[in-house]
PDB file of all heavy atoms in Angstrom:
ATOM      1  N   ILE A   1     122.497 -59.189 -18.186  1.00  0.00           N
ATOM      2  CA  ILE A   1     121.572 -59.911 -17.550  1.00  0.00           C
ATOM      3  C   ILE A   1     120.950 -60.983 -18.439  1.00  0.00           C
ATOM      4  O   ILE A   1     120.828 -60.750 -19.542  1.00  0.00           O
ATOM      5  CB  ILE A   1     120.410 -59.002 -16.870  1.00  0.00           C
ATOM      6  CG1 ILE A   1     119.710 -58.359 -17.995  1.00  0.00           C
ATOM      7  CG2 ILE A   1     120.827 -58.237 -15.816  1.00  0.00           C
ATOM      8  CD1 ILE A   1     118.512 -57.314 -17.555  1.00  0.00           C
ATOM      9  N   ALA A   2     120.554 -62.056 -17.717  1.00  0.00           N
ATOM     10  CA  ALA A   2     119.671 -63.170 -18.442  1.00  0.00           C
ATOM     11  C   ALA A   2     118.383 -63.121 -17.720  1.00  0.00           C
ATOM     12  O   ALA A   2     118.287 -63.153 -16.400  1.00  0.00           O
ATOM     13  CB  ALA A   2     120.335 -64.502 -18.237  1.00  0.00           C
ATOM     14  N   VAL A   3     117.370 -63.051 -18.430  1.00  0.00           N
ATOM     15  CA  VAL A   3     115.938 -63.016 -18.013  1.00  0.00           C
ATOM     16  C   VAL A   3     115.144 -64.125 -18.514  1.00  0.00           C
ATOM     17  O   VAL A   3     115.259 -64.398 -19.722  1.00  0.00           O
ATOM     18  CB  VAL A   3     115.286 -61.613 -18.382  1.00  0.00           C
ATOM     19  CG1 VAL A   3     113.846 -61.427 -17.767  1.00  0.00           C
ATOM     20  CG2 VAL A   3     116.098 -60.447 -17.903  1.00  0.00           C
ATOM     21  N   LEU A   4     114.514 -64.791 -17.584  1.00  0.00           N
ATOM     22  CA  LEU A   4     113.766 -65.984 -18.086  1.00  0.00           C
ATOM     23  C   LEU A   4     112.203 -66.096 -17.509  1.00  0.00           C
ATOM     24  O   LEU A   4     112.017 -65.372 -16.452  1.00  0.00           O
ATOM     25  CB  LEU A   4     114.399 -67.340 -17.859  1.00  0.00           C
ATOM     26  CG  LEU A   4     114.763 -67.731 -16.399  1.00  0.00           C
ATOM     27  CD1 LEU A   4     113.609 -68.666 -15.911  1.00  0.00           C
ATOM     28  CD2 LEU A   4     115.991 -68.305 -16.318  1.00  0.00           C
ATOM     29  N   THR A   5     111.315 -66.705 -18.233  1.00  0.00           N
ATOM     30  CA  THR A   5     109.958 -66.845 -17.638  1.00  0.00           C
ATOM     31  C   THR A   5     109.933 -68.010 -16.706  1.00  0.00           C
ATOM     32  O   THR A   5     110.350 -69.080 -17.106  1.00  0.00           O
ATOM     33  CB  THR A   5     109.075 -66.790 -18.745  1.00  0.00           C
ATOM     34  OG1 THR A   5     109.301 -67.996 -19.611  1.00  0.00           O
ATOM     35  CG2 THR A   5     108.984 -65.554 -19.680  1.00  0.00           C
ATOM     36  N   GLU A   6     109.414 -67.950 -15.555  1.00  0.00           N
ATOM     37  CA  GLU A   6     109.024 -68.934 -14.689  1.00  0.00           C
ATOM     38  C   GLU A   6     107.536 -69.139 -14.671  1.00  0.00           C
ATOM     39  O   GLU A   6     106.806 -68.552 -13.955  1.00  0.00           O
ATOM     40  CB  GLU A   6     109.602 -68.832 -13.237  1.00  0.00           C
ATOM     41  CG  GLU A   6     109.652 -70.064 -12.455  1.00  0.00           C
ATOM     42  CD  GLU A   6     110.200 -69.765 -11.086  1.00  0.00           C
ATOM     43  OE1 GLU A   6     110.461 -68.629 -10.713  1.00  0.00           O
ATOM     44  OE2 GLU A   6     110.385 -70.868 -10.440  1.00  0.00           O
ATOM     45  N   ARG A   7     107.098 -70.065 -15.554  1.00  0.00           N
ATOM     46  CA  ARG A   7     105.508 -70.021 -16.013  1.00  0.00           C
ATOM     47  C   ARG A   7     104.640 -70.433 -14.824  1.00  0.00           C
ATOM     48  O   ARG A   7     103.731 -69.590 -14.681  1.00  0.00           O
ATOM     49  CB  ARG A   7     105.553 -71.052 -17.152  1.00  0.00           C
ATOM     50  CG  ARG A   7     104.124 -71.169 -17.689  1.00  0.00           C
ATOM     51  CD  ARG A   7     104.149 -71.961 -18.914  1.00  0.00           C
ATOM     52  NE  ARG A   7     103.017 -72.766 -19.157  1.00  0.00           N
ATOM     53  CZ  ARG A   7     102.743 -73.674 -19.982  1.00  0.00           C
ATOM     54  NH1 ARG A   7     103.744 -74.102 -20.802  1.00  0.00           N
ATOM     55  NH2 ARG A   7     101.584 -74.255 -20.222  1.00  0.00           N
ATOM     56  N   LYS A   8     105.026 -71.347 -14.095  1.00  0.00           N
ATOM     57  CA  LYS A   8     104.192 -71.745 -13.031  1.00  0.00           C
ATOM     58  C   LYS A   8     104.097 -70.841 -11.777  1.00  0.00           C
ATOM     59  O   LYS A   8     103.308 -70.956 -10.912  1.00  0.00           O
ATOM     60  CB  LYS A   8     104.311 -73.292 -12.601  1.00  0.00           C
ATOM     61  CG  LYS A   8     103.977 -74.198 -13.792  1.00  0.00           C
ATOM     62  CD  LYS A   8     102.542 -74.055 -14.261  1.00  0.00           C
ATOM     63  CE  LYS A   8     102.146 -75.146 -15.276  1.00  0.00           C
ATOM     64  NZ  LYS A   8     100.729 -75.025 -15.543  1.00  0.00           N
ATOM     65  N   ARG A   9     105.200 -69.965 -11.649  1.00  0.00           N
ATOM     66  CA  ARG A   9     105.048 -69.013 -10.590  1.00  0.00           C
ATOM     67  C   ARG A   9     104.804 -67.612 -11.048  1.00  0.00           C
ATOM     68  O   ARG A   9     104.756 -66.635 -10.246  1.00  0.00           O
ATOM     69  CB  ARG A   9     106.582 -68.921  -9.957  1.00  0.00           C
ATOM     70  CG  ARG A   9     106.928 -70.444  -9.371  1.00  0.00           C
ATOM     71  CD  ARG A   9     106.166 -70.761  -8.150  1.00  0.00           C
ATOM     72  NE  ARG A   9     106.297 -69.845  -7.140  1.00  0.00           N
ATOM     73  CZ  ARG A   9     107.236 -69.885  -6.213  1.00  0.00           C
ATOM     74  NH1 ARG A   9     108.209 -70.868  -6.127  1.00  0.00           N
ATOM     75  NH2 ARG A   9     107.435 -68.936  -5.220  1.00  0.00           N
ATOM     76  N   HIS A  10     104.196 -67.563 -12.285  1.00  0.00           N
ATOM     77  CA  HIS A  10     103.802 -66.236 -12.888  1.00  0.00           C
ATOM     78  C   HIS A  10     104.810 -65.086 -12.740  1.00  0.00           C
ATOM     79  O   HIS A  10     104.377 -63.960 -12.434  1.00  0.00           O
ATOM     80  CB  HIS A  10     102.477 -65.889 -12.202  1.00  0.00           C
ATOM     81  CG  HIS A  10     101.532 -67.109 -11.996  1.00  0.00           C
ATOM     82  ND1 HIS A  10     100.806 -67.603 -13.076  1.00  0.00           N
ATOM     83  CD2 HIS A  10     101.290 -67.925 -10.970  1.00  0.00           C
ATOM     84  CE1 HIS A  10     100.135 -68.745 -12.694  1.00  0.00           C
ATOM     85  NE2 HIS A  10     100.398 -68.912 -11.273  1.00  0.00           N
ATOM     86  N   ARG A  11     106.063 -65.346 -13.013  1.00  0.00           N
ATOM     87  CA  ARG A  11     106.977 -64.329 -12.797  1.00  0.00           C
ATOM     88  C   ARG A  11     108.199 -64.382 -13.701  1.00  0.00           C
ATOM     89  O   ARG A  11     108.376 -65.518 -14.322  1.00  0.00           O
ATOM     90  CB  ARG A  11     107.364 -64.365 -11.278  1.00  0.00           C
ATOM     91  CG  ARG A  11     108.167 -65.594 -10.998  1.00  0.00           C
ATOM     92  CD  ARG A  11     108.431 -65.792  -9.569  1.00  0.00           C
ATOM     93  NE  ARG A  11     109.283 -66.939  -9.121  1.00  0.00           N
ATOM     94  CZ  ARG A  11     109.587 -67.339  -7.904  1.00  0.00           C
ATOM     95  NH1 ARG A  11     109.398 -66.380  -6.875  1.00  0.00           N
ATOM     96  NH2 ARG A  11     110.391 -68.301  -7.700  1.00  0.00           N
ATOM     97  N   LEU A  12     108.981 -63.494 -13.672  1.00  0.00           N
ATOM     98  CA  LEU A  12     110.364 -63.420 -14.494  1.00  0.00           C
ATOM     99  C   LEU A  12     111.303 -63.667 -13.407  1.00  0.00           C
ATOM    100  O   LEU A  12     111.249 -63.187 -12.260  1.00  0.00           O
ATOM    101  CB  LEU A  12     110.604 -62.032 -15.082  1.00  0.00           C
ATOM    102  CG  LEU A  12     109.558 -61.582 -16.241  1.00  0.00           C
ATOM    103  CD1 LEU A  12     109.916 -60.319 -16.926  1.00  0.00           C
ATOM    104  CD2 LEU A  12     109.214 -62.745 -17.137  1.00  0.00           C
ATOM    105  N   ARG A  13     112.463 -64.254 -13.813  1.00  0.00           N
ATOM    106  CA  ARG A  13     113.789 -64.365 -12.990  1.00  0.00           C
ATOM    107  C   ARG A  13     114.829 -63.660 -13.728  1.00  0.00           C
ATOM    108  O   ARG A  13     114.939 -63.772 -14.951  1.00  0.00           O
ATOM    109  CB  ARG A  13     114.046 -65.875 -12.778  1.00  0.00           C
ATOM    110  CG  ARG A  13     112.899 -66.644 -12.027  1.00  0.00           C
ATOM    111  CD  ARG A  13     112.731 -66.104 -10.726  1.00  0.00           C
ATOM    112  NE  ARG A  13     113.738 -66.221  -9.906  1.00  0.00           N
ATOM    113  CZ  ARG A  13     114.120 -67.329  -9.109  1.00  0.00           C
ATOM    114  NH1 ARG A  13     113.286 -68.410  -9.175  1.00  0.00           N
ATOM    115  NH2 ARG A  13     115.224 -67.462  -8.315  1.00  0.00           N
ATOM    116  N   VAL A  14     115.641 -63.023 -13.028  1.00  0.00           N
ATOM    117  CA  VAL A  14     116.750 -62.135 -13.617  1.00  0.00           C
ATOM    118  C   VAL A  14     118.123 -62.528 -12.919  1.00  0.00           C
ATOM    119  O   VAL A  14     118.192 -62.416 -11.617  1.00  0.00           O
ATOM    120  CB  VAL A  14     116.449 -60.641 -13.429  1.00  0.00           C
ATOM    121  CG1 VAL A  14     117.573 -59.754 -14.032  1.00  0.00           C
ATOM    122  CG2 VAL A  14     114.999 -60.269 -13.881  1.00  0.00           C
ATOM    123  N   PHE A  15     119.029 -62.847 -13.749  1.00  0.00           N
ATOM    124  CA  PHE A  15     120.346 -63.240 -13.300  1.00  0.00           C
ATOM    125  C   PHE A  15     121.393 -62.235 -13.854  1.00  0.00           C
ATOM    126  O   PHE A  15     121.497 -62.107 -15.142  1.00  0.00           O
ATOM    127  CB  PHE A  15     120.699 -64.702 -13.657  1.00  0.00           C
ATOM    128  CG  PHE A  15     119.659 -65.692 -12.985  1.00  0.00           C
ATOM    129  CD1 PHE A  15     118.490 -66.050 -13.636  1.00  0.00           C
ATOM    130  CD2 PHE A  15     119.925 -66.088 -11.665  1.00  0.00           C
ATOM    131  CE1 PHE A  15     117.486 -66.826 -13.010  1.00  0.00           C
ATOM    132  CE2 PHE A  15     119.007 -66.955 -11.045  1.00  0.00           C
ATOM    133  CZ  PHE A  15     117.838 -67.367 -11.741  1.00  0.00           C
ATOM    134  N   ALA A  16     122.452 -61.917 -13.001  1.00  0.00           N
ATOM    135  CA  ALA A  16     123.564 -61.137 -13.522  1.00  0.00           C
ATOM    136  C   ALA A  16     124.574 -62.163 -14.220  1.00  0.00           C
ATOM    137  O   ALA A  16     124.863 -63.171 -13.548  1.00  0.00           O
ATOM    138  CB  ALA A  16     124.201 -60.330 -12.557  1.00  0.00           C
ATOM    139  N   ILE A  17     125.263 -61.722 -15.390  1.00  0.00           N
ATOM    140  CA  ILE A  17     126.329 -62.459 -15.872  1.00  0.00           C
ATOM    141  C   ILE A  17     127.544 -61.520 -15.741  1.00  0.00           C
ATOM    142  O   ILE A  17     127.676 -60.512 -16.195  1.00  0.00           O
ATOM    143  CB  ILE A  17     126.070 -62.621 -17.419  1.00  0.00           C
ATOM    144  CG1 ILE A  17     124.600 -63.339 -17.621  1.00  0.00           C
ATOM    145  CG2 ILE A  17     127.206 -63.535 -17.914  1.00  0.00           C
ATOM    146  CD1 ILE A  17     124.315 -63.334 -19.119  1.00  0.00           C
ATOM    147  N   PRO A  18     128.443 -62.087 -14.811  1.00  0.00           N
ATOM    148  CA  PRO A  18     129.699 -61.348 -14.613  1.00  0.00           C
ATOM    149  C   PRO A  18     130.519 -61.189 -15.938  1.00  0.00           C
ATOM    150  O   PRO A  18     130.572 -62.043 -16.763  1.00  0.00           O
ATOM    151  CB  PRO A  18     130.340 -62.165 -13.560  1.00  0.00           C
ATOM    152  CG  PRO A  18     129.824 -63.547 -13.785  1.00  0.00           C
ATOM    153  CD  PRO A  18     128.490 -63.487 -14.232  1.00  0.00           C
ATOM    154  N   ALA A  19     131.265 -60.025 -15.892  1.00  0.00           N
ATOM    155  CA  ALA A  19     131.965 -59.807 -17.177  1.00  0.00           C
ATOM    156  C   ALA A  19     133.136 -60.748 -17.385  1.00  0.00           C
ATOM    157  O   ALA A  19     133.564 -60.852 -18.639  1.00  0.00           O
ATOM    158  CB  ALA A  19     132.875 -58.277 -16.864  1.00  0.00           C
ATOM    159  N   ASP A  20     133.539 -61.546 -16.407  1.00  0.00           N
ATOM    160  CA  ASP A  20     134.502 -62.635 -16.726  1.00  0.00           C
ATOM    161  C   ASP A  20     133.851 -63.981 -17.124  1.00  0.00           C
ATOM    162  O   ASP A  20     134.613 -64.850 -17.282  1.00  0.00           O
ATOM    163  CB  ASP A  20     135.400 -62.796 -15.410  1.00  0.00           C
ATOM    164  CG  ASP A  20     134.670 -63.379 -14.258  1.00  0.00           C
ATOM    165  OD1 ASP A  20     133.378 -63.613 -14.364  1.00  0.00           O
ATOM    166  OD2 ASP A  20     135.294 -63.590 -13.145  1.00  0.00           O
ATOM    167  N   GLY A  21     132.696 -63.994 -17.321  1.00  0.00           N
ATOM    168  CA  GLY A  21     132.008 -65.072 -17.623  1.00  0.00           C
ATOM    169  C   GLY A  21     131.855 -66.181 -16.590  1.00  0.00           C
ATOM    170  O   GLY A  21     131.586 -67.432 -16.810  1.00  0.00           O
ATOM    171  N   GLY A  22     131.864 -65.720 -15.246  1.00  0.00           N
ATOM    172  CA  GLY A  22     131.769 -66.721 -14.273  1.00  0.00           C
ATOM    173  C   GLY A  22     130.330 -67.036 -13.930  1.00  0.00           C
ATOM    174  O   GLY A  22     129.481 -66.827 -14.724  1.00  0.00           O
ATOM    175  N   ALA A  23     130.140 -67.589 -12.684  1.00  0.00           N
ATOM    176  CA  ALA A  23     128.884 -67.963 -12.326  1.00  0.00           C
ATOM    177  C   ALA A  23     127.687 -66.755 -12.252  1.00  0.00           C
ATOM    178  O   ALA A  23     128.038 -65.717 -11.712  1.00  0.00           O
ATOM    179  CB  ALA A  23     128.917 -68.625 -10.893  1.00  0.00           C
ATOM    180  N   LEU A  24     126.616 -67.155 -12.760  1.00  0.00           N
ATOM    181  CA  LEU A  24     125.567 -66.120 -12.743  1.00  0.00           C
ATOM    182  C   LEU A  24     124.951 -65.971 -11.310  1.00  0.00           C
ATOM    183  O   LEU A  24     125.012 -66.931 -10.560  1.00  0.00           O
ATOM    184  CB  LEU A  24     124.350 -66.769 -13.722  1.00  0.00           C
ATOM    185  CG  LEU A  24     124.567 -66.447 -15.205  1.00  0.00           C
ATOM    186  CD1 LEU A  24     125.663 -67.179 -15.751  1.00  0.00           C
ATOM    187  CD2 LEU A  24     123.147 -66.807 -15.870  1.00  0.00           C
ATOM    188  N   THR A  25     124.518 -64.835 -10.948  1.00  0.00           N
ATOM    189  CA  THR A  25     123.973 -64.458  -9.691  1.00  0.00           C
ATOM    190  C   THR A  25     122.533 -63.988  -9.694  1.00  0.00           C
ATOM    191  O   THR A  25     122.192 -63.252 -10.801  1.00  0.00           O
ATOM    192  CB  THR A  25     124.802 -63.559  -8.778  1.00  0.00           C
ATOM    193  OG1 THR A  25     124.896 -62.349  -9.653  1.00  0.00           O
ATOM    194  CG2 THR A  25     126.223 -64.097  -8.689  1.00  0.00           C
ATOM    195  N   ASP A  26     121.743 -64.339  -8.762  1.00  0.00           N
ATOM    196  CA  ASP A  26     120.202 -64.007  -8.850  1.00  0.00           C
ATOM    197  C   ASP A  26     120.094 -62.565  -8.387  1.00  0.00           C
ATOM    198  O   ASP A  26     120.432 -62.133  -7.250  1.00  0.00           O
ATOM    199  CB  ASP A  26     119.473 -64.890  -7.900  1.00  0.00           C
ATOM    200  CG  ASP A  26     118.067 -64.899  -8.197  1.00  0.00           C
ATOM    201  OD1 ASP A  26     117.520 -63.871  -8.770  1.00  0.00           O
ATOM    202  OD2 ASP A  26     117.276 -65.897  -7.556  1.00  0.00           O
ATOM    203  N   LEU A  27     119.471 -61.688  -9.254  1.00  0.00           N
ATOM    204  CA  LEU A  27     119.340 -60.301  -8.970  1.00  0.00           C
ATOM    205  C   LEU A  27     117.895 -59.992  -8.234  1.00  0.00           C
ATOM    206  O   LEU A  27     117.687 -58.989  -7.702  1.00  0.00           O
ATOM    207  CB  LEU A  27     119.419 -59.437 -10.134  1.00  0.00           C
ATOM    208  CG  LEU A  27     120.761 -59.315 -10.901  1.00  0.00           C
ATOM    209  CD1 LEU A  27     120.788 -58.395 -11.976  1.00  0.00           C
ATOM    210  CD2 LEU A  27     121.780 -58.768  -9.725  1.00  0.00           C
ATOM    211  N   ALA A  28     116.967 -61.060  -8.266  1.00  0.00           N
ATOM    212  CA  ALA A  28     115.667 -60.824  -7.740  1.00  0.00           C
ATOM    213  C   ALA A  28     115.249 -62.209  -7.360  1.00  0.00           C
ATOM    214  O   ALA A  28     114.352 -62.858  -8.055  1.00  0.00           O
ATOM    215  CB  ALA A  28     114.847 -60.337  -8.756  1.00  0.00           C
ATOM    216  N   PRO A  29     115.658 -62.662  -6.243  1.00  0.00           N
ATOM    217  CA  PRO A  29     115.271 -64.149  -5.757  1.00  0.00           C
ATOM    218  C   PRO A  29     113.789 -64.218  -5.514  1.00  0.00           C
ATOM    219  O   PRO A  29     113.310 -65.465  -5.736  1.00  0.00           O
ATOM    220  CB  PRO A  29     116.061 -64.215  -4.385  1.00  0.00           C
ATOM    221  CG  PRO A  29     117.259 -63.279  -4.633  1.00  0.00           C
ATOM    222  CD  PRO A  29     116.647 -62.098  -5.216  1.00  0.00           C
ATOM    223  N   ALA A  30     112.994 -63.286  -5.266  1.00  0.00           N
ATOM    224  CA  ALA A  30     111.599 -63.524  -5.175  1.00  0.00           C
ATOM    225  C   ALA A  30     110.936 -63.327  -6.521  1.00  0.00           C
ATOM    226  O   ALA A  30     109.767 -63.632  -6.609  1.00  0.00           O
ATOM    227  CB  ALA A  30     111.061 -62.403  -4.268  1.00  0.00           C
ATOM    228  N   GLY A  31     111.660 -63.171  -7.509  1.00  0.00           N
ATOM    229  CA  GLY A  31     111.027 -62.998  -8.890  1.00  0.00           C
ATOM    230  C   GLY A  31     110.277 -61.730  -9.063  1.00  0.00           C
ATOM    231  O   GLY A  31     110.060 -60.903  -8.115  1.00  0.00           O
ATOM    232  N   LEU A  32     109.961 -61.347 -10.319  1.00  0.00           N
ATOM    233  CA  LEU A  32     109.197 -60.183 -10.743  1.00  0.00           C
ATOM    234  C   LEU A  32     107.830 -60.615 -11.287  1.00  0.00           C
ATOM    235  O   LEU A  32     107.834 -61.189 -12.424  1.00  0.00           O
ATOM    236  CB  LEU A  32     110.008 -59.428 -11.708  1.00  0.00           C
ATOM    237  CG  LEU A  32     111.439 -59.017 -11.225  1.00  0.00           C
ATOM    238  CD1 LEU A  32     112.210 -58.362 -12.374  1.00  0.00           C
ATOM    239  CD2 LEU A  32     111.210 -57.904 -10.044  1.00  0.00           C
ATOM    240  N   PRO A  33     106.811 -60.532 -10.475  1.00  0.00           N
ATOM    241  CA  PRO A  33     105.487 -60.963 -11.027  1.00  0.00           C
ATOM    242  C   PRO A  33     105.062 -60.170 -12.352  1.00  0.00           C
ATOM    243  O   PRO A  33     105.214 -59.013 -12.513  1.00  0.00           O
ATOM    244  CB  PRO A  33     104.462 -60.662  -9.798  1.00  0.00           C
ATOM    245  CG  PRO A  33     105.412 -60.419  -8.788  1.00  0.00           C
ATOM    246  CD  PRO A  33     106.714 -59.942  -9.197  1.00  0.00           C
ATOM    247  N   VAL A  34     104.334 -60.891 -13.234  1.00  0.00           N
ATOM    248  CA  VAL A  34     103.939 -60.467 -14.513  1.00  0.00           C
ATOM    249  C   VAL A  34     102.489 -60.955 -14.756  1.00  0.00           C
ATOM    250  O   VAL A  34     101.931 -61.827 -14.005  1.00  0.00           O
ATOM    251  CB  VAL A  34     104.767 -60.826 -15.717  1.00  0.00           C
ATOM    252  CG1 VAL A  34     106.122 -60.121 -15.593  1.00  0.00           C
ATOM    253  CG2 VAL A  34     104.860 -62.132 -15.884  1.00  0.00           C
ATOM    254  N   LEU A  35     101.737 -60.345 -15.691  1.00  0.00           N
ATOM    255  CA  LEU A  35     100.515 -60.755 -16.147  1.00  0.00           C
ATOM    256  C   LEU A  35      99.330 -60.671 -15.059  1.00  0.00           C
ATOM    257  O   LEU A  35      98.602 -61.459 -14.959  1.00  0.00           O
ATOM    258  CB  LEU A  35     100.526 -62.259 -16.704  1.00  0.00           C
ATOM    259  CG  LEU A  35     101.562 -62.482 -17.792  1.00  0.00           C
ATOM    260  CD1 LEU A  35     101.612 -63.904 -18.102  1.00  0.00           C
ATOM    261  CD2 LEU A  35     101.409 -61.568 -18.944  1.00  0.00           C
ATOM    262  N   ASP A  36      99.466 -59.555 -14.380  1.00  0.00           N
ATOM    263  CA  ASP A  36      98.590 -59.255 -13.146  1.00  0.00           C
ATOM    264  C   ASP A  36      97.039 -59.231 -13.687  1.00  0.00           C
ATOM    265  O   ASP A  36      96.782 -58.756 -14.698  1.00  0.00           O
ATOM    266  CB  ASP A  36      98.956 -57.970 -12.629  1.00  0.00           C
ATOM    267  CG  ASP A  36      98.205 -57.619 -11.367  1.00  0.00           C
ATOM    268  OD1 ASP A  36      98.141 -58.331 -10.402  1.00  0.00           O
ATOM    269  OD2 ASP A  36      97.448 -56.523 -11.432  1.00  0.00           O
ATOM    270  N   GLY A  37      96.232 -60.001 -12.821  1.00  0.00           N
ATOM    271  CA  GLY A  37      94.929 -60.026 -13.063  1.00  0.00           C
ATOM    272  C   GLY A  37      94.381 -61.075 -13.961  1.00  0.00           C
ATOM    273  O   GLY A  37      93.223 -61.177 -14.233  1.00  0.00           O
ATOM    274  N   GLN A  38      95.362 -61.888 -14.548  1.00  0.00           N
ATOM    275  CA  GLN A  38      94.981 -62.923 -15.510  1.00  0.00           C
ATOM    276  C   GLN A  38      94.758 -64.158 -14.661  1.00  0.00           C
ATOM    277  O   GLN A  38      95.279 -64.470 -13.653  1.00  0.00           O
ATOM    278  CB  GLN A  38      96.030 -63.077 -16.552  1.00  0.00           C
ATOM    279  CG  GLN A  38      96.389 -61.849 -17.354  1.00  0.00           C
ATOM    280  CD  GLN A  38      95.066 -61.354 -18.031  1.00  0.00           C
ATOM    281  OE1 GLN A  38      94.503 -61.892 -18.837  1.00  0.00           O
ATOM    282  NE2 GLN A  38      94.591 -59.987 -17.576  1.00  0.00           N
ATOM    283  N   ARG A  39      94.090 -65.035 -15.358  1.00  0.00           N
ATOM    284  CA  ARG A  39      93.717 -66.405 -14.699  1.00  0.00           C
ATOM    285  C   ARG A  39      94.162 -67.595 -15.704  1.00  0.00           C
ATOM    286  O   ARG A  39      94.133 -67.422 -16.813  1.00  0.00           O
ATOM    287  CB  ARG A  39      92.270 -66.510 -14.318  1.00  0.00           C
ATOM    288  CG  ARG A  39      91.729 -65.466 -13.256  1.00  0.00           C
ATOM    289  CD  ARG A  39      90.365 -65.713 -12.885  1.00  0.00           C
ATOM    290  NE  ARG A  39      89.931 -64.720 -11.936  1.00  0.00           N
ATOM    291  CZ  ARG A  39      90.074 -64.863 -10.618  1.00  0.00           C
ATOM    292  NH1 ARG A  39      90.680 -66.102 -10.111  1.00  0.00           N
ATOM    293  NH2 ARG A  39      89.723 -64.072  -9.714  1.00  0.00           N
TER     294      ARG A  39
END
């Protein structure tokens, strides 16, 4: 997996990397929220 921060949406994005090195696919299209309660 490749995981990146999407700063202005306050979340992580996670993409699967296929074993053959082909196109990455989105494992969590809605993103994974982080830093709950912060402003």
